[in-house]
Amino acid sequence: MRDLWAKMLRTVITSAVLTGVFCSGFAVLIDLATDMLARQQLIIVSFSSGFLGSLFAQTVLTRWKQK
């Protein structure tokens, strides 16, 4: 049971991190076109937004539940 929970948690966190990295990369491209925020701030905000948004979406879609 503990291994199953760890595997589900690893899958959810990995998905959230990948979403955060994608959002950060996309933000860098947007930053090259605009100069509204410092690049580091933009990357941090975008990663956080993508990471938390992914966790929220997975929670709403009940990916945390055991199958």
N, C-alpha and C. Protein backbone atom coordinates (compact mmCIF):
# COMPACT_ATOMS: atom_id res chain seq x y z
N MET A 1 0.83 -1.20 0.00
CA MET A 1 0.00 0.00 0.00
C MET A 1 0.87 1.27 0.00
N ARG A 2 1.92 1.23 0.81
CA ARG A 2 2.81 2.38 0.90
C ARG A 2 3.53 2.62 -0.42
N ASP A 3 3.96 1.53 -1.08
CA ASP A 3 4.63 1.66 -2.38
C ASP A 3 3.69 2.22 -3.44
N LEU A 4 2.43 1.82 -3.39
CA LEU A 4 1.45 2.32 -4.35
C LEU A 4 1.25 3.82 -4.16
N TRP A 5 1.13 4.25 -2.90
CA TRP A 5 0.96 5.67 -2.61
C TRP A 5 2.19 6.46 -3.08
N ALA A 6 3.38 5.93 -2.84
CA ALA A 6 4.61 6.60 -3.27
C ALA A 6 4.67 6.70 -4.79
N LYS A 7 4.24 5.65 -5.47
CA LYS A 7 4.25 5.66 -6.93
C LYS A 7 3.25 6.69 -7.48
N MET A 8 2.05 6.74 -6.89
CA MET A 8 1.05 7.73 -7.33
C MET A 8 1.56 9.15 -7.08
N LEU A 9 2.15 9.36 -5.91
CA LEU A 9 2.66 10.68 -5.57
C LEU A 9 3.78 11.08 -6.51
N ARG A 10 4.68 10.15 -6.83
CA ARG A 10 5.78 10.42 -7.75
C ARG A 10 5.24 10.79 -9.13
N THR A 11 4.21 10.08 -9.59
CA THR A 11 3.62 10.37 -10.90
C THR A 11 2.99 11.76 -10.93
N VAL A 12 2.26 12.10 -9.89
CA VAL A 12 1.60 13.40 -9.82
C VAL A 12 2.63 14.52 -9.75
N ILE A 13 3.64 14.37 -8.91
CA ILE A 13 4.67 15.41 -8.77
C ILE A 13 5.47 15.55 -10.06
N THR A 14 5.80 14.43 -10.69
CA THR A 14 6.55 14.48 -11.96
C THR A 14 5.76 15.23 -13.02
N SER A 15 4.47 14.94 -13.10
CA SER A 15 3.63 15.63 -14.07
C SER A 15 3.57 17.13 -13.77
N ALA A 16 3.46 17.48 -12.50
CA ALA A 16 3.40 18.89 -12.12
C ALA A 16 4.72 19.60 -12.42
N VAL A 17 5.83 18.94 -12.16
CA VAL A 17 7.14 19.54 -12.45
C VAL A 17 7.32 19.74 -13.95
N LEU A 18 6.94 18.75 -14.74
CA LEU A 18 7.05 18.89 -16.19
C LEU A 18 6.19 20.03 -16.71
N THR A 19 4.99 20.18 -16.15
CA THR A 19 4.12 21.29 -16.54
C THR A 19 4.77 22.62 -16.15
N GLY A 20 5.34 22.67 -14.95
CA GLY A 20 6.01 23.89 -14.50
C GLY A 20 7.19 24.25 -15.38
N VAL A 21 7.98 23.25 -15.77
CA VAL A 21 9.14 23.49 -16.64
C VAL A 21 8.68 23.97 -18.01
N PHE A 22 7.62 23.36 -18.54
CA PHE A 22 7.08 23.81 -19.83
C PHE A 22 6.63 25.26 -19.74
N CYS A 23 5.90 25.60 -18.68
CA CYS A 23 5.42 26.97 -18.52
C CYS A 23 6.59 27.95 -18.39
N SER A 24 7.63 27.53 -17.67
CA SER A 24 8.81 28.40 -17.53
C SER A 24 9.49 28.63 -18.88
N GLY A 25 9.64 27.56 -19.66
CA GLY A 25 10.23 27.69 -20.99
C GLY A 25 9.40 28.59 -21.90
N PHE A 26 8.10 28.42 -21.84
CA PHE A 26 7.21 29.26 -22.63
C PHE A 26 7.33 30.71 -22.20
N ALA A 27 7.46 30.92 -20.88
CA ALA A 27 7.58 32.28 -20.35
C ALA A 27 8.86 32.95 -20.84
N VAL A 28 9.93 32.18 -20.97
CA VAL A 28 11.18 32.75 -21.47
C VAL A 28 10.99 33.25 -22.91
N LEU A 29 10.28 32.46 -23.72
CA LEU A 29 10.00 32.90 -25.08
C LEU A 29 9.17 34.19 -25.10
N ILE A 30 8.18 34.26 -24.21
CA ILE A 30 7.36 35.47 -24.12
C ILE A 30 8.22 36.64 -23.62
N ASP A 31 9.11 36.36 -22.68
CA ASP A 31 9.98 37.40 -22.14
C ASP A 31 10.88 38.00 -23.21
N LEU A 32 11.29 37.17 -24.16
CA LEU A 32 12.12 37.68 -25.25
C LEU A 32 11.35 38.67 -26.12
N ALA A 33 10.03 38.51 -26.15
CA ALA A 33 9.20 39.41 -26.95
C ALA A 33 8.76 40.65 -26.17
N THR A 34 8.74 40.55 -24.83
CA THR A 34 8.30 41.68 -24.00
C THR A 34 9.30 41.90 -22.87
N ASP A 35 9.23 43.04 -22.23
CA ASP A 35 10.12 43.35 -21.10
C ASP A 35 9.33 43.83 -19.88
N MET A 36 8.26 43.13 -19.54
CA MET A 36 7.43 43.57 -18.42
C MET A 36 8.02 43.17 -17.06
N LEU A 37 8.61 41.99 -16.93
CA LEU A 37 9.19 41.52 -15.68
C LEU A 37 10.64 41.13 -15.90
N ALA A 38 11.40 41.06 -14.82
CA ALA A 38 12.75 40.52 -14.92
C ALA A 38 12.63 39.04 -15.26
N ARG A 39 13.57 38.52 -16.03
CA ARG A 39 13.48 37.13 -16.51
C ARG A 39 13.37 36.13 -15.36
N GLN A 40 14.14 36.30 -14.29
CA GLN A 40 14.10 35.36 -13.17
C GLN A 40 12.73 35.38 -12.51
N GLN A 41 12.15 36.54 -12.31
CA GLN A 41 10.81 36.63 -11.72
C GLN A 41 9.79 35.94 -12.61
N LEU A 42 9.90 36.15 -13.89
CA LEU A 42 8.97 35.56 -14.84
C LEU A 42 9.05 34.03 -14.80
N ILE A 43 10.27 33.49 -14.74
CA ILE A 43 10.45 32.05 -14.71
C ILE A 43 9.86 31.47 -13.42
N ILE A 44 10.12 32.11 -12.29
CA ILE A 44 9.62 31.61 -11.01
C ILE A 44 8.10 31.66 -10.96
N VAL A 45 7.52 32.77 -11.38
CA VAL A 45 6.06 32.89 -11.38
C VAL A 45 5.43 31.87 -12.33
N SER A 46 6.01 31.70 -13.50
CA SER A 46 5.46 30.77 -14.48
C SER A 46 5.58 29.33 -14.01
N PHE A 47 6.72 28.96 -13.42
CA PHE A 47 6.88 27.60 -12.91
C PHE A 47 5.87 27.34 -11.80
N SER A 48 5.76 28.28 -10.87
CA SER A 48 4.82 28.11 -9.76
C SER A 48 3.39 27.98 -10.27
N SER A 49 3.03 28.81 -11.23
CA SER A 49 1.69 28.75 -11.80
C SER A 49 1.43 27.41 -12.47
N GLY A 50 2.36 26.95 -13.28
CA GLY A 50 2.20 25.67 -13.95
C GLY A 50 2.16 24.51 -12.97
N PHE A 51 3.05 24.51 -11.98
CA PHE A 51 3.13 23.44 -10.99
C PHE A 51 1.84 23.36 -10.19
N LEU A 52 1.41 24.49 -9.63
CA LEU A 52 0.20 24.50 -8.81
C LEU A 52 -1.05 24.24 -9.64
N GLY A 53 -1.07 24.75 -10.87
CA GLY A 53 -2.21 24.48 -11.75
C GLY A 53 -2.32 23.01 -12.09
N SER A 54 -1.19 22.37 -12.31
CA SER A 54 -1.20 20.94 -12.60
C SER A 54 -1.69 20.14 -11.39
N LEU A 55 -1.21 20.49 -10.20
CA LEU A 55 -1.67 19.80 -8.99
C LEU A 55 -3.17 19.98 -8.80
N PHE A 56 -3.65 21.19 -9.02
CA PHE A 56 -5.08 21.45 -8.89
C PHE A 56 -5.88 20.63 -9.90
N ALA A 57 -5.43 20.62 -11.15
CA ALA A 57 -6.15 19.88 -12.19
C ALA A 57 -6.18 18.38 -11.89
N GLN A 58 -5.06 17.85 -11.43
CA GLN A 58 -5.01 16.43 -11.11
C GLN A 58 -5.90 16.10 -9.92
N THR A 59 -6.00 17.03 -8.98
CA THR A 59 -6.87 16.83 -7.83
C THR A 59 -8.33 16.86 -8.26
N VAL A 60 -8.68 17.82 -9.08
CA VAL A 60 -10.06 17.93 -9.57
C VAL A 60 -10.43 16.72 -10.41
N LEU A 61 -9.50 16.23 -11.21
CA LEU A 61 -9.77 15.08 -12.05
C LEU A 61 -9.57 13.76 -11.32
N THR A 62 -9.32 13.84 -10.02
CA THR A 62 -9.19 12.69 -9.13
C THR A 62 -8.12 11.70 -9.56
N ARG A 63 -6.98 12.19 -10.02
CA ARG A 63 -5.87 11.30 -10.34
C ARG A 63 -5.20 10.76 -9.10
N TRP A 64 -5.52 11.33 -7.95
CA TRP A 64 -4.92 10.89 -6.70
C TRP A 64 -5.57 9.60 -6.20
N LYS A 65 -6.78 9.32 -6.65
CA LYS A 65 -7.51 8.17 -6.13
C LYS A 65 -6.91 6.86 -6.63
N GLN A 66 -7.02 5.88 -5.76
CA GLN A 66 -6.55 4.54 -6.12
C GLN A 66 -7.49 3.91 -7.12
N LYS A 67 -6.93 3.14 -8.04
CA LYS A 67 -7.75 2.47 -9.04
C LYS A 67 -7.96 1.04 -8.68
